[in-house]
Amino acid sequence: MEASVRFDTNFNSGMIDRRIFSGFLEHLGRAIYGGVFDPDSPLSNENGFRTDVVQAMQHLQMPFVRYPGGNFVSNYDWRDGVGSERKGFPDFAWKATEPNLFGTDEFIHWSREVGTNPMLAVNLGTLGPSEAAALVEYCNLNTATHWAAERRRNGNLEPHNVKVWCLGNEMDGPWQAGHMPAEQYALKARNAARLMKGIDPTIELVAAGSSGRFMPTYMEWDRTVLETCWEDIDYVSAHRYANNTADDTPAYLSEGLVIDQILDDYSGLLSYVKALKKSKHDVYLSFDEWNVWYRERGGKNRDGDWQVGPTQLEEIYNLEDALVCAQFVNSFIRRADLVKIACLAQIVNVIAPILTSPDGLLYQSIYYPFQLYSQMTRGLSLTPSVMSETYEVEDIGEVPFLDVSASYDPEDGDIALFLVNRSIEQELHVNVEISDLLLIGAQNSKVLSGDSPKSANSWEQPDVLKVKDGKVSVEDRSLRLKVPRLGMVAVGGIKSRKR
């Protein structure tokens, strides 16, 4: 099949915020214990951090990691996870035992080793604004006050300087500890926001939006929260987990259109509330939980039998999952005007791109597209004009075979291009042109594809799916390249000059 993409650098959605390449770490399953933190492992350093996990995370170049939840945070008292005297507690969310060996300080230290920044969530389920403000004091102040002094007594002489905070998590969900109506959460979140910013005016705050499009209160919850909290927050959260429960690959690969619709929903709502409030303040979207998740959901995945670090939510990812994840990021890039933060949920063992064993780690299919996007993307988000054949999906309509995003760095003229071929049968021959630039050549082309949408890496066969070098050529000042069926291509270092 033939397809074409046309860009013009004057048509863009603004600068891409690198925080869209962030991640999420929750006290759940083997994410912490046996994942990032394993003091008894020979693969761990003196802090108990798995060094192979640290290295794998460094390659992903995540600017922020959200912590400690997730559902876990809504019944978590951060004060139990600092200092020398720590007590375990039964985790309501996942029915596991939390020993509190890894807490706020350990997470901050781990973040520094990885080269990322902390994005902390506060408990607005069973705790409230005063405990949230105390955590800001603990992390960010250097005063002669109780919690700042406690941080210093715990060996952290300098403030942690945590700059992004989540006001609870999925409080619209009846599964959440402390679940409450939107009106009640909005008032609680506003009070917390004012206390927290009163302690440190430089922080940014994320209010809890809808848990997903499936919720009966979708958008109505968000409207209520935004109308109450608008001037006190900086972002509202969105969450989505894609699934292929129908085992229909073509329909599943139309996920990008659903993501686009969700982004349109939030764009419209944010514009409405800003106009309603006659405000000069802007609130953006923090898509701080996104991934594929549908296989490992019931039974032991919800009930850890009160173990420490039980095996939960260890989804095995295949090629079609990786292509769906690529579409999430394409959508975020295209809506750089709206999406300022996005967090892959999660990062190790639990619905994650990395799995660990006592002897090493396994890279899952979804690791590779995230790595390519994170390493190659910088600058402006170019708005694509795509000419592509389409196919029909029930409840969606016409779906283009080609899904595209691109970035342009105006300082050095470098372009990065990302293309996903949704076809399970035919490769795409794509012509790419930028109307106001002359394309000179491309330094780096990478391809991820496979014979079957169900192809996956395993401990026995860890390299079934991995990134390979691709080919791209410049013909008549345009790029020509092939995107294999069931494949994606990332092209970085595309050189250009003004026409």
Protein backbone atom coordinates (compact mmCIF):
# COMPACT_ATOMS: atom_id res chain seq x y z
CA MET A 1 0.00 0.00 0.00
CA GLU A 2 1.00 3.57 -0.65
CA ALA A 3 0.66 6.37 1.91
CA SER A 4 1.92 9.93 2.21
CA VAL A 5 2.47 12.38 5.04
CA ARG A 6 2.91 16.11 4.69
CA PHE A 7 4.09 18.56 7.34
CA ASP A 8 4.79 22.28 7.57
CA THR A 9 6.75 23.52 10.59
CA ASN A 10 4.41 26.52 10.84
CA PHE A 11 1.60 24.10 11.64
CA ASN A 12 2.36 22.59 15.01
CA SER A 13 0.77 22.07 18.42
CA GLY A 14 3.63 23.63 20.36
CA MET A 15 6.66 22.37 22.24
CA ILE A 16 6.57 18.76 23.36
CA ASP A 17 6.87 18.50 27.13
CA ARG A 18 9.38 15.74 27.87
CA ARG A 19 7.34 14.79 30.91
CA ILE A 20 5.06 12.79 28.59
CA PHE A 21 7.78 10.12 28.75
CA SER A 22 7.33 9.55 32.48
CA GLY A 23 6.50 6.37 34.38
CA PHE A 24 4.65 5.05 37.41
CA LEU A 25 5.78 2.93 40.37
CA GLU A 26 3.24 1.61 42.88
CA HIS A 27 3.47 -0.56 45.97
CA LEU A 28 1.86 -3.47 44.17
CA GLY A 29 2.97 -7.03 43.47
CA ARG A 30 6.70 -7.29 42.76
CA ALA A 31 7.06 -3.70 41.57
CA ILE A 32 8.93 -2.63 44.71
CA TYR A 33 9.95 -5.77 46.58
CA GLY A 34 11.70 -8.03 44.10
CA GLY A 35 11.57 -5.29 41.47
CA VAL A 36 13.34 -2.00 42.08
CA PHE A 37 14.25 -2.93 45.68
CA ASP A 38 15.81 -6.27 46.63
CA PRO A 39 18.45 -5.91 49.38
CA ASP A 40 19.17 -9.65 49.47
CA SER A 41 19.95 -9.91 45.76
CA PRO A 42 23.55 -10.06 44.53
CA LEU A 43 22.36 -7.80 41.70
CA SER A 44 21.57 -4.98 44.15
CA ASN A 45 23.82 -2.18 45.36
CA GLU A 46 24.45 -1.01 48.91
CA ASN A 47 21.07 0.79 48.92
CA GLY A 48 19.22 -2.40 47.99
CA PHE A 49 18.40 -1.15 44.50
CA ARG A 50 18.57 -3.64 41.62
CA THR A 51 21.34 -2.23 39.41
CA ASP A 52 20.09 -3.99 36.26
CA VAL A 53 16.71 -2.33 36.74
CA VAL A 54 18.39 1.04 37.28
CA GLN A 55 20.32 0.63 34.02
CA ALA A 56 17.22 -0.44 32.07
CA MET A 57 15.36 2.57 33.43
CA GLN A 58 18.19 4.92 32.48
CA HIS A 59 17.82 3.84 28.85
CA LEU A 60 14.15 4.87 28.95
CA GLN A 61 15.13 8.41 30.00
CA MET A 62 11.97 8.98 32.03
CA PRO A 63 11.94 12.58 33.31
CA PHE A 64 9.50 11.79 36.16
CA VAL A 65 8.18 8.70 37.96
CA ARG A 66 4.86 8.86 39.82
CA TYR A 67 4.77 7.19 43.27
CA PRO A 68 3.47 5.47 45.50
CA GLY A 69 0.14 4.89 43.78
CA GLY A 70 -2.28 4.16 42.43
CA ASN A 71 -4.92 2.50 44.53
CA PHE A 72 -2.28 1.84 47.19
CA VAL A 73 -1.94 5.51 48.10
CA SER A 74 -5.55 5.92 49.22
CA ASN A 75 -4.91 3.96 52.43
CA TYR A 76 -1.20 4.74 52.85
CA ASP A 77 0.22 6.84 55.65
CA TRP A 78 3.54 8.19 54.38
CA ARG A 79 4.71 8.72 57.95
CA ASP A 80 4.93 4.93 58.42
CA GLY A 81 7.48 4.76 55.60
CA VAL A 82 10.12 7.15 56.98
CA GLY A 83 12.51 6.95 59.92
CA SER A 84 14.07 4.00 61.72
CA GLU A 85 10.97 2.51 63.37
CA ARG A 86 8.71 1.20 60.65
CA LYS A 87 5.71 -1.05 60.98
CA GLY A 88 4.02 -3.13 58.32
CA PHE A 89 0.35 -2.76 57.53
CA PRO A 90 -2.30 -4.66 55.50
CA ASP A 91 -2.79 -2.96 52.13
CA PHE A 92 -6.51 -2.53 51.45
CA ALA A 93 -6.10 -2.10 47.68
CA TRP A 94 -4.25 -5.28 46.74
CA LYS A 95 -4.67 -7.42 49.88
CA ALA A 96 -0.91 -7.63 50.46
CA THR A 97 1.35 -6.92 53.42
CA GLU A 98 3.35 -3.70 53.15
CA PRO A 99 6.50 -3.89 55.33
CA ASN A 100 7.36 -0.20 54.78
CA LEU A 101 11.00 -0.97 54.09
CA PHE A 102 10.84 1.23 51.00
CA GLY A 103 9.29 4.65 51.54
CA THR A 104 9.55 8.28 50.52
CA ASP A 105 13.28 8.71 51.17
CA GLU A 106 14.20 5.43 49.47
CA PHE A 107 12.12 6.40 46.45
CA ILE A 108 13.83 9.79 46.22
CA HIS A 109 17.26 8.15 46.41
CA TRP A 110 16.28 5.56 43.80
CA SER A 111 15.01 8.35 41.52
CA ARG A 112 18.37 10.07 41.69
CA GLU A 113 20.21 6.88 40.79
CA VAL A 114 17.93 6.37 37.79
CA GLY A 115 18.22 10.02 36.74
CA THR A 116 14.52 10.76 37.03
CA ASN A 117 12.44 13.12 39.19
CA PRO A 118 9.82 12.25 41.81
CA MET A 119 6.11 12.87 41.21
CA LEU A 120 4.45 12.13 44.54
CA ALA A 121 0.81 11.29 45.19
CA VAL A 122 -0.82 12.14 48.51
CA ASN A 123 -3.54 10.17 50.29
CA LEU A 124 -6.85 12.01 49.98
CA GLY A 125 -8.83 8.83 50.66
CA THR A 126 -8.33 7.92 54.31
CA LEU A 127 -6.12 10.93 55.12
CA GLY A 128 -6.52 14.58 54.25
CA PRO A 129 -5.07 18.03 53.58
CA SER A 130 -3.02 18.36 56.77
CA GLU A 131 -1.14 15.09 56.20
CA ALA A 132 -0.55 16.10 52.57
CA ALA A 133 0.86 19.46 53.63
CA ALA A 134 3.08 17.73 56.19
CA LEU A 135 4.57 15.60 53.41
CA VAL A 136 5.34 18.73 51.39
CA GLU A 137 7.05 20.16 54.47
CA TYR A 138 9.03 16.93 54.93
CA CYS A 139 10.17 16.90 51.32
CA ASN A 140 10.64 20.55 50.43
CA LEU A 141 11.32 22.77 53.45
CA ASN A 142 14.54 23.37 55.33
CA THR A 143 12.93 25.12 58.27
CA ALA A 144 13.20 24.55 62.03
CA THR A 145 9.79 22.85 61.95
CA HIS A 146 8.75 19.33 62.91
CA TRP A 147 8.67 17.43 59.62
CA ALA A 148 11.54 19.28 57.97
CA ALA A 149 13.64 18.51 61.06
CA GLU A 150 12.48 14.89 60.93
CA ARG A 151 13.77 14.59 57.35
CA ARG A 152 17.15 15.86 58.48
CA ARG A 153 17.15 13.44 61.42
CA ASN A 154 16.54 10.66 58.90
CA GLY A 155 19.80 11.55 57.16
CA ASN A 156 18.47 13.80 54.40
CA LEU A 157 20.05 17.13 55.17
CA GLU A 158 18.92 18.88 52.00
CA PRO A 159 15.29 19.12 50.85
CA HIS A 160 14.08 16.62 48.27
CA ASN A 161 12.49 19.45 46.20
CA VAL A 162 9.55 17.47 44.84
CA LYS A 163 7.86 19.72 42.30
CA VAL A 164 4.87 17.70 40.96
CA TRP A 165 2.17 16.28 43.26
CA CYS A 166 -1.02 14.27 42.66
CA LEU A 167 -4.05 15.07 44.81
CA GLY A 168 -5.11 11.47 45.43
CA ASN A 169 -5.85 8.80 42.87
CA GLU A 170 -9.05 7.70 41.07
CA MET A 171 -11.30 8.98 43.84
CA ASP A 172 -14.30 8.51 41.53
CA GLY A 173 -13.83 4.73 41.77
CA PRO A 174 -15.89 2.73 44.31
CA TRP A 175 -12.92 0.35 44.57
CA GLN A 176 -10.88 3.16 46.13
CA ALA A 177 -10.31 3.47 49.89
CA GLY A 178 -12.11 6.64 50.87
CA HIS A 179 -14.13 6.85 47.64
CA MET A 180 -16.41 9.88 47.72
CA PRO A 181 -18.71 11.92 45.47
CA ALA A 182 -17.14 14.47 43.14
CA GLU A 183 -18.36 17.44 45.19
CA GLN A 184 -16.75 16.09 48.36
CA TYR A 185 -13.47 15.20 46.65
CA ALA A 186 -13.32 18.60 44.95
CA LEU A 187 -13.54 20.45 48.26
CA LYS A 188 -10.98 18.14 49.86
CA ALA A 189 -8.61 18.52 46.92
CA ARG A 190 -8.99 22.32 46.92
CA ASN A 191 -8.23 22.52 50.63
CA ALA A 192 -5.21 20.24 50.20
CA ALA A 193 -3.99 22.28 47.23
CA ARG A 194 -4.14 25.53 49.18
CA LEU A 195 -2.31 24.07 52.16
CA MET A 196 0.33 22.40 49.99
CA LYS A 197 0.99 25.49 47.88
CA GLY A 198 0.96 27.52 51.06
CA ILE A 199 3.93 25.44 52.20
CA ASP A 200 5.68 25.60 48.80
CA PRO A 201 4.20 27.92 46.15
CA THR A 202 6.54 26.53 43.48
CA ILE A 203 4.91 23.08 43.27
CA GLU A 204 2.48 21.93 40.56
CA LEU A 205 -0.64 19.94 41.41
CA VAL A 206 -2.63 17.28 39.57
CA ALA A 207 -6.29 16.80 40.51
CA ALA A 208 -7.79 13.33 40.14
CA GLY A 209 -9.92 13.12 37.02
CA SER A 210 -12.03 10.21 35.83
CA SER A 211 -10.61 6.71 36.26
CA GLY A 212 -11.53 6.00 32.68
CA ARG A 213 -13.98 6.52 29.88
CA PHE A 214 -15.97 3.51 31.13
CA MET A 215 -17.08 5.35 34.28
CA PRO A 216 -20.74 6.49 34.36
CA THR A 217 -19.55 9.84 35.75
CA TYR A 218 -16.93 10.38 33.01
CA MET A 219 -16.54 14.10 32.27
CA GLU A 220 -19.23 15.02 34.83
CA TRP A 221 -16.80 14.14 37.65
CA ASP A 222 -14.05 16.09 35.90
CA ARG A 223 -16.28 19.11 35.34
CA THR A 224 -17.23 19.26 39.03
CA VAL A 225 -13.61 18.98 40.16
CA LEU A 226 -12.37 21.55 37.67
CA GLU A 227 -15.06 24.10 38.48
CA THR A 228 -14.18 23.84 42.18
CA CYS A 229 -10.38 23.63 41.94
CA TRP A 230 -9.54 25.52 38.75
CA GLU A 231 -7.39 28.30 40.19
CA ASP A 232 -5.60 25.99 42.64
CA ILE A 233 -4.44 23.19 40.33
CA ASP A 234 -2.29 22.89 37.24
CA TYR A 235 -3.40 19.56 35.74
CA VAL A 236 -6.26 17.09 35.77
CA SER A 237 -5.47 13.41 35.40
CA ALA A 238 -6.72 10.95 32.80
CA HIS A 239 -6.29 7.16 32.87
CA ARG A 240 -6.76 4.47 30.24
CA TYR A 241 -5.83 0.81 29.90
CA ALA A 242 -6.35 -0.61 26.42
CA ASN A 243 -7.45 -4.23 25.95
CA ASN A 244 -8.02 -6.88 23.33
CA THR A 245 -10.49 -9.05 25.21
CA ALA A 246 -12.35 -9.59 21.93
CA ASP A 247 -9.16 -11.01 20.35
CA ASP A 248 -9.77 -8.81 17.30
CA THR A 249 -6.41 -7.44 16.18
CA PRO A 250 -7.67 -4.94 13.55
CA ALA A 251 -10.16 -3.46 16.03
CA TYR A 252 -7.56 -3.42 18.79
CA LEU A 253 -5.13 -1.55 16.56
CA SER A 254 -7.69 1.25 16.16
CA GLU A 255 -7.00 2.22 19.79
CA GLY A 256 -5.27 5.41 18.70
CA LEU A 257 -8.57 6.87 17.54
CA VAL A 258 -10.10 6.22 20.96
CA ILE A 259 -7.17 7.96 22.64
CA ASP A 260 -7.61 10.92 20.29
CA GLN A 261 -11.29 11.11 21.26
CA ILE A 262 -10.43 11.13 24.97
CA LEU A 263 -7.97 13.96 24.38
CA ASP A 264 -10.64 15.86 22.46
CA ASP A 265 -13.06 15.33 25.36
CA TYR A 266 -10.64 16.87 27.84
CA SER A 267 -9.66 19.68 25.50
CA GLY A 268 -13.28 20.71 25.15
CA LEU A 269 -13.96 20.44 28.89
CA LEU A 270 -10.89 22.47 29.85
CA SER A 271 -11.83 25.20 27.38
CA TYR A 272 -15.39 25.24 28.71
CA VAL A 273 -14.40 25.57 32.38
CA LYS A 274 -11.80 28.25 31.64
CA ALA A 275 -14.44 30.26 29.79
CA LEU A 276 -17.01 29.63 32.52
CA LYS A 277 -14.58 30.88 35.17
CA LYS A 278 -13.44 33.79 32.95
CA SER A 279 -9.97 32.74 34.02
CA LYS A 280 -6.52 33.60 32.75
CA HIS A 281 -5.18 30.44 34.37
CA ASP A 282 -4.62 27.30 32.29
CA VAL A 283 -5.08 23.69 33.39
CA TYR A 284 -3.54 20.93 31.29
CA LEU A 285 -3.83 17.16 31.08
CA SER A 286 -1.72 14.69 33.03
CA PHE A 287 -2.33 11.28 31.43
CA ASP A 288 -0.63 9.65 34.37
CA GLU A 289 -1.76 6.06 33.91
CA TRP A 290 -1.73 4.49 30.47
CA ASN A 291 -0.88 1.05 29.12
CA VAL A 292 -2.35 -2.23 27.94
CA TRP A 293 -3.85 -4.34 30.71
CA TYR A 294 -6.48 -7.06 30.45
CA ARG A 295 -5.00 -10.55 30.89
CA GLU A 296 -3.92 -10.43 34.53
CA ARG A 297 -6.87 -8.88 36.33
CA GLY A 298 -8.84 -11.30 38.52
CA GLY A 299 -8.10 -13.77 41.31
CA LYS A 300 -4.60 -13.49 42.76
CA ASN A 301 -4.08 -10.24 40.87
CA ARG A 302 -6.61 -8.56 43.15
CA ASP A 303 -5.88 -10.61 46.27
CA GLY A 304 -2.25 -10.99 47.33
CA ASP A 305 -3.13 -13.29 50.26
CA TRP A 306 -1.38 -10.81 52.58
CA GLN A 307 2.05 -11.69 51.27
CA VAL A 308 4.95 -9.27 50.86
CA GLY A 309 5.59 -8.68 47.17
CA PRO A 310 3.20 -11.31 45.78
CA THR A 311 3.12 -12.04 42.04
CA GLN A 312 0.36 -9.76 40.73
CA LEU A 313 -0.54 -8.14 37.40
CA GLU A 314 2.48 -9.59 35.58
CA GLU A 315 1.09 -9.07 32.10
CA ILE A 316 3.01 -10.65 29.20
CA TYR A 317 3.14 -8.20 26.30
CA ASN A 318 3.19 -9.04 22.59
CA LEU A 319 3.67 -7.20 19.31
CA GLU A 320 0.14 -5.84 18.97
CA ASP A 321 0.41 -4.45 22.52
CA ALA A 322 3.61 -2.62 21.55
CA LEU A 323 1.89 -1.10 18.51
CA VAL A 324 -0.98 0.10 20.70
CA CYS A 325 1.48 1.65 23.14
CA ALA A 326 3.14 3.44 20.23
CA GLN A 327 -0.25 4.91 19.32
CA PHE A 328 -0.72 6.24 22.84
CA VAL A 329 2.52 8.19 22.48
CA ASN A 330 1.71 9.35 18.95
CA SER A 331 -1.51 10.84 20.32
CA PHE A 332 0.28 12.55 23.20
CA ILE A 333 2.84 14.06 20.85
CA ARG A 334 0.22 15.32 18.43
CA ARG A 335 -1.61 17.03 21.32
CA ALA A 336 1.43 18.74 22.82
CA ASP A 337 -0.81 21.75 23.45
CA LEU A 338 -2.88 19.68 25.89
CA VAL A 339 -0.86 16.75 27.30
CA LYS A 340 2.03 17.94 29.46
CA ILE A 341 2.58 14.82 31.59
CA ALA A 342 2.01 11.14 30.80
CA CYS A 343 3.06 8.11 32.84
CA LEU A 344 3.47 4.59 31.50
CA ALA A 345 1.86 2.35 34.12
CA GLN A 346 3.94 0.72 35.35
CA ILE A 347 7.69 0.19 35.03
CA VAL A 348 8.84 -3.09 36.66
CA ASN A 349 7.04 -6.49 36.92
CA VAL A 350 3.54 -5.02 37.35
CA ILE A 351 2.01 -4.35 33.88
CA ALA A 352 5.51 -3.34 32.95
CA PRO A 353 8.07 -3.18 30.14
CA ILE A 354 10.61 -4.96 32.38
CA LEU A 355 10.31 -8.28 34.23
CA THR A 356 12.82 -9.44 36.83
CA SER A 357 14.00 -12.83 38.02
CA PRO A 358 16.65 -13.59 40.67
CA ASP A 359 19.17 -13.87 37.81
CA GLY A 360 18.35 -10.95 35.56
CA LEU A 361 15.63 -9.14 33.65
CA LEU A 362 13.52 -9.52 30.52
CA TYR A 363 12.65 -6.71 28.12
CA GLN A 364 9.03 -6.93 27.02
CA SER A 365 7.73 -5.74 23.65
CA ILE A 366 6.40 -2.44 25.00
CA TYR A 367 9.87 -1.43 26.25
CA TYR A 368 11.13 -0.78 22.74
CA PRO A 369 8.68 1.80 21.33
CA PHE A 370 8.80 3.78 24.56
CA GLN A 371 12.60 3.82 24.44
CA LEU A 372 12.62 5.01 20.82
CA TYR A 373 10.16 7.81 21.42
CA SER A 374 11.87 8.98 24.60
CA GLN A 375 15.34 9.02 23.09
CA MET A 376 14.45 10.61 19.72
CA THR A 377 11.72 13.16 20.43
CA ARG A 378 12.46 16.82 21.06
CA GLY A 379 11.16 20.21 20.00
CA LEU A 380 7.88 21.13 18.34
CA SER A 381 5.06 18.71 17.62
CA LEU A 382 4.38 18.87 13.89
CA THR A 383 0.77 18.46 12.78
CA PRO A 384 0.57 15.66 10.18
CA SER A 385 -1.59 15.60 7.09
CA VAL A 386 -1.95 11.89 6.30
CA MET A 387 -3.15 10.25 3.11
CA SER A 388 -3.70 6.56 3.79
CA GLU A 389 -6.08 3.78 2.91
CA THR A 390 -8.52 2.88 5.65
CA TYR A 391 -10.42 -0.06 7.08
CA GLU A 392 -13.71 -0.28 8.97
CA VAL A 393 -14.07 -1.00 12.68
CA GLU A 394 -17.45 -1.31 14.36
CA ASP A 395 -18.23 1.62 16.69
CA ILE A 396 -15.14 3.45 15.41
CA GLY A 397 -15.70 3.87 11.68
CA GLU A 398 -12.90 4.39 9.17
CA VAL A 399 -9.44 3.74 10.57
CA PRO A 400 -6.34 4.82 8.63
CA PHE A 401 -3.72 2.10 8.26
CA LEU A 402 -1.04 4.70 9.02
CA ASP A 403 -0.66 6.46 12.38
CA VAL A 404 2.00 9.21 12.57
CA SER A 405 3.64 11.75 14.84
CA ALA A 406 6.75 13.90 14.42
CA SER A 407 8.92 16.37 16.29
CA TYR A 408 11.04 19.23 14.95
CA ASP A 409 13.87 20.95 16.78
CA PRO A 410 14.01 24.53 15.44
CA GLU A 411 17.49 25.06 16.91
CA ASP A 412 19.32 22.45 14.84
CA GLY A 413 16.65 21.54 12.27
CA ASP A 414 16.56 17.88 13.36
CA ILE A 415 13.32 15.96 12.85
CA ALA A 416 12.11 12.71 14.43
CA LEU A 417 9.36 10.72 12.74
CA PHE A 418 7.24 7.87 14.14
CA LEU A 419 4.98 5.67 12.00
CA VAL A 420 2.74 2.73 12.92
CA ASN A 421 1.27 0.39 10.31
CA ARG A 422 -2.01 -1.09 11.55
CA SER A 423 -2.29 -3.52 8.66
CA ILE A 424 -1.89 -7.21 9.49
CA GLU A 425 -1.35 -8.08 5.81
CA GLN A 426 0.46 -5.37 3.84
CA GLU A 427 3.51 -3.18 4.26
CA LEU A 428 3.18 0.56 3.72
CA HIS A 429 5.34 2.52 1.28
CA VAL A 430 5.34 6.01 2.73
CA ASN A 431 6.41 9.31 1.23
CA VAL A 432 7.13 12.09 3.74
CA GLU A 433 7.43 15.75 2.78
CA ILE A 434 7.86 18.95 4.79
CA SER A 435 6.64 21.81 2.66
CA ASP A 436 8.83 24.56 4.10
CA LEU A 437 11.99 22.45 4.56
CA LEU A 438 14.39 20.60 2.32
CA LEU A 439 15.06 17.13 3.69
CA ILE A 440 18.70 16.17 3.33
CA GLY A 441 19.03 12.77 4.97
CA ALA A 442 18.36 10.65 8.04
CA GLN A 443 20.89 9.35 10.53
CA ASN A 444 18.95 6.69 12.38
CA SER A 445 16.06 4.43 11.39
CA LYS A 446 14.71 1.71 13.69
CA VAL A 447 12.04 -0.92 13.05
CA LEU A 448 9.94 -3.09 15.35
CA SER A 449 7.82 -5.76 13.69
CA GLY A 450 7.11 -9.47 13.65
CA ASP A 451 5.35 -12.32 11.93
CA SER A 452 2.40 -12.53 14.32
CA PRO A 453 0.52 -9.99 16.43
CA LYS A 454 0.91 -12.47 19.31
CA SER A 455 4.72 -12.68 19.09
CA ALA A 456 6.25 -12.02 22.50
CA ASN A 457 9.55 -12.26 24.32
CA SER A 458 9.96 -14.87 27.04
CA TRP A 459 12.64 -16.00 29.44
CA GLU A 460 13.32 -18.93 27.11
CA GLN A 461 13.29 -16.74 23.95
CA PRO A 462 14.12 -13.18 25.02
CA ASP A 463 14.84 -11.79 21.53
CA VAL A 464 11.74 -12.76 19.55
CA LEU A 465 10.94 -9.05 19.38
CA LYS A 466 13.64 -6.42 19.36
CA VAL A 467 14.49 -3.26 17.44
CA LYS A 468 16.32 -3.64 14.15
CA ASP A 469 17.95 -1.14 11.82
CA GLY A 470 15.76 0.19 9.05
CA LYS A 471 16.31 1.95 5.74
CA VAL A 472 15.19 5.38 4.68
CA SER A 473 16.12 7.34 1.58
CA VAL A 474 15.81 10.91 0.38
CA GLU A 475 14.28 11.14 -3.08
CA ASP A 476 13.38 14.46 -4.67
CA ARG A 477 13.74 16.15 -1.26
CA SER A 478 11.24 13.77 0.34
CA LEU A 479 11.74 10.79 2.60
CA ARG A 480 10.84 7.36 1.30
CA LEU A 481 10.53 4.44 3.66
CA LYS A 482 8.68 1.19 4.25
CA VAL A 483 6.68 0.35 7.36
CA PRO A 484 6.24 -3.41 7.63
CA ARG A 485 2.87 -4.93 8.32
CA LEU A 486 2.27 -5.14 12.05
CA GLY A 487 5.17 -2.77 12.49
CA MET A 488 6.42 0.60 13.54
CA VAL A 489 9.33 2.70 12.29
CA ALA A 490 11.12 5.44 14.19
CA VAL A 491 13.42 7.74 12.25
CA GLY A 492 15.66 10.10 14.18
CA GLY A 493 18.22 12.69 13.20
CA ILE A 494 16.44 13.68 9.99
CA LYS A 495 18.46 16.63 8.69
CA SER A 496 16.80 19.59 7.00
CA ARG A 497 17.29 23.19 5.95
CA LYS A 498 14.94 25.97 5.02
CA ARG A 499 13.70 26.09 1.44
